[in-house]
Amino acid sequence: MKGLSPRSVHPAVQLLMLLGLAVAGLCLASLLALLLANALYGVSMLQFGALAAAPERAPHGWEVLMLYQGLSLAGWGLGRQCCRC
């Protein structure tokens, strides 16, 4: 059709790029969430596993989990939005 440029990247490569950027966004956001949990609530990365298993045992367990979940989902979404192929 007139006005549309041909795709320069194979569709399988586009899917791999989408998946890679989404996973990279998830990893970076999870790291940011763990660093913020350490700075704000004093939860170390080693304590986070026990906190995830039983958040009611820690004073700020639910807040830390919600921070982690929110930033992880935001990172996943941002990673997907970066690959507008």
C-alpha atoms as a PDB file:
ATOM      1  CA  MET A   1       0.000   0.000   0.000  1.00  0.00           C
ATOM      2  CA  LYS A   2       1.060   3.523  -0.613  1.00  0.00           C
ATOM      3  CA  GLY A   3       2.569   5.372   2.329  1.00  0.00           C
ATOM      4  CA  LEU A   4       3.438   2.329   4.433  1.00  0.00           C
ATOM      5  CA  SER A   5       7.072   1.431   4.788  1.00  0.00           C
ATOM      6  CA  PRO A   6       8.007  -2.241   4.645  1.00  0.00           C
ATOM      7  CA  ARG A   7       9.020  -3.930   7.881  1.00  0.00           C
ATOM      8  CA  SER A   8      12.750  -4.137   8.242  1.00  0.00           C
ATOM      9  CA  VAL A   9      12.679  -6.633  11.123  1.00  0.00           C
ATOM     10  CA  HIS A  10      11.298 -10.157  11.033  1.00  0.00           C
ATOM     11  CA  PRO A  11       8.187 -10.636  13.229  1.00  0.00           C
ATOM     12  CA  ALA A  12       9.926 -13.340  15.308  1.00  0.00           C
ATOM     13  CA  VAL A  13      12.740 -10.908  16.068  1.00  0.00           C
ATOM     14  CA  GLN A  14      10.159  -8.295  17.065  1.00  0.00           C
ATOM     15  CA  LEU A  15       8.611 -10.738  19.522  1.00  0.00           C
ATOM     16  CA  LEU A  16      12.017 -11.574  20.988  1.00  0.00           C
ATOM     17  CA  MET A  17      12.792  -7.867  21.355  1.00  0.00           C
ATOM     18  CA  LEU A  18       9.451  -7.313  23.072  1.00  0.00           C
ATOM     19  CA  LEU A  19      10.046 -10.170  25.483  1.00  0.00           C
ATOM     20  CA  GLY A  20      13.634  -9.108  26.179  1.00  0.00           C
ATOM     21  CA  LEU A  21      12.717  -5.496  26.900  1.00  0.00           C
ATOM     22  CA  ALA A  22       9.796  -6.525  29.098  1.00  0.00           C
ATOM     23  CA  VAL A  23      12.005  -8.850  31.150  1.00  0.00           C
ATOM     24  CA  ALA A  24      14.722  -6.185  31.392  1.00  0.00           C
ATOM     25  CA  GLY A  25      12.154  -3.655  32.619  1.00  0.00           C
ATOM     26  CA  LEU A  26      10.867  -6.157  35.164  1.00  0.00           C
ATOM     27  CA  CYS A  27      14.381  -6.876  36.443  1.00  0.00           C
ATOM     28  CA  LEU A  28      15.311  -3.211  36.776  1.00  0.00           C
ATOM     29  CA  ALA A  29      12.046  -2.315  38.499  1.00  0.00           C
ATOM     30  CA  SER A  30      12.397  -5.250  40.893  1.00  0.00           C
ATOM     31  CA  LEU A  31      15.911  -4.151  41.777  1.00  0.00           C
ATOM     32  CA  LEU A  32      14.672  -0.600  42.356  1.00  0.00           C
ATOM     33  CA  ALA A  33      11.867  -1.922  44.578  1.00  0.00           C
ATOM     34  CA  LEU A  34      14.302  -3.983  46.644  1.00  0.00           C
ATOM     35  CA  LEU A  35      16.651  -1.013  47.031  1.00  0.00           C
ATOM     36  CA  LEU A  36      13.750   1.217  48.104  1.00  0.00           C
ATOM     37  CA  ALA A  37      12.531  -1.423  50.561  1.00  0.00           C
ATOM     38  CA  ASN A  38      16.011  -1.516  52.040  1.00  0.00           C
ATOM     39  CA  ALA A  39      16.261   2.271  52.269  1.00  0.00           C
ATOM     40  CA  LEU A  40      12.718   2.957  53.522  1.00  0.00           C
ATOM     41  CA  TYR A  41      11.909  -0.079  55.654  1.00  0.00           C
ATOM     42  CA  GLY A  42      15.305  -1.641  56.428  1.00  0.00           C
ATOM     43  CA  VAL A  43      14.460  -4.936  54.719  1.00  0.00           C
ATOM     44  CA  SER A  44      17.523  -6.614  53.245  1.00  0.00           C
ATOM     45  CA  MET A  45      17.468  -8.776  50.157  1.00  0.00           C
ATOM     46  CA  LEU A  46      18.029 -11.856  52.301  1.00  0.00           C
ATOM     47  CA  GLN A  47      15.066 -10.998  54.531  1.00  0.00           C
ATOM     48  CA  PHE A  48      12.797 -10.409  51.566  1.00  0.00           C
ATOM     49  CA  GLY A  49      12.177 -14.111  50.943  1.00  0.00           C
ATOM     50  CA  ALA A  50      10.886 -14.635  54.472  1.00  0.00           C
ATOM     51  CA  LEU A  51       8.874 -11.430  54.206  1.00  0.00           C
ATOM     52  CA  ALA A  52       7.220 -12.612  50.992  1.00  0.00           C
ATOM     53  CA  ALA A  53       6.305 -15.937  52.609  1.00  0.00           C
ATOM     54  CA  ALA A  54       4.766 -14.381  55.749  1.00  0.00           C
ATOM     55  CA  PRO A  55       4.272 -10.608  55.460  1.00  0.00           C
ATOM     56  CA  GLU A  56       2.207 -10.428  58.651  1.00  0.00           C
ATOM     57  CA  ARG A  57       5.302 -11.205  60.750  1.00  0.00           C
ATOM     58  CA  ALA A  58       7.052  -7.960  59.778  1.00  0.00           C
ATOM     59  CA  PRO A  59       5.850  -4.507  60.866  1.00  0.00           C
ATOM     60  CA  HIS A  60       5.719  -3.153  57.317  1.00  0.00           C
ATOM     61  CA  GLY A  61       5.388  -6.444  55.445  1.00  0.00           C
ATOM     62  CA  TRP A  62       2.372  -5.602  53.324  1.00  0.00           C
ATOM     63  CA  GLU A  63       3.699  -2.159  52.375  1.00  0.00           C
ATOM     64  CA  VAL A  64       6.974  -3.666  51.184  1.00  0.00           C
ATOM     65  CA  LEU A  65       5.153  -6.282  49.121  1.00  0.00           C
ATOM     66  CA  MET A  66       2.843  -3.701  47.556  1.00  0.00           C
ATOM     67  CA  LEU A  67       5.835  -1.482  46.734  1.00  0.00           C
ATOM     68  CA  TYR A  68       7.555  -4.441  45.103  1.00  0.00           C
ATOM     69  CA  GLN A  69       4.463  -5.487  43.167  1.00  0.00           C
ATOM     70  CA  GLY A  70       3.656  -1.982  41.960  1.00  0.00           C
ATOM     71  CA  LEU A  71       7.144  -1.209  40.729  1.00  0.00           C
ATOM     72  CA  SER A  72       7.522  -4.644  39.147  1.00  0.00           C
ATOM     73  CA  LEU A  73       4.308  -4.279  37.180  1.00  0.00           C
ATOM     74  CA  ALA A  74       5.230  -0.744  36.157  1.00  0.00           C
ATOM     75  CA  GLY A  75       8.637  -1.959  34.965  1.00  0.00           C
ATOM     76  CA  TRP A  76       7.045  -4.788  32.988  1.00  0.00           C
ATOM     77  CA  GLY A  77       4.692  -2.323  31.315  1.00  0.00           C
ATOM     78  CA  LEU A  78       7.435   0.183  30.549  1.00  0.00           C
ATOM     79  CA  GLY A  79       9.585  -2.533  29.058  1.00  0.00           C
ATOM     80  CA  ARG A  80       6.712  -3.545  26.793  1.00  0.00           C
ATOM     81  CA  GLN A  81       6.067   0.072  25.761  1.00  0.00           C
ATOM     82  CA  CYS A  82       9.701   0.561  24.748  1.00  0.00           C
ATOM     83  CA  CYS A  83       9.304  -1.944  21.927  1.00  0.00           C
ATOM     84  CA  ARG A  84       6.720  -0.253  19.740  1.00  0.00           C
ATOM     85  CA  CYS A  85       7.722  -2.171  16.633  1.00  0.00           C
END
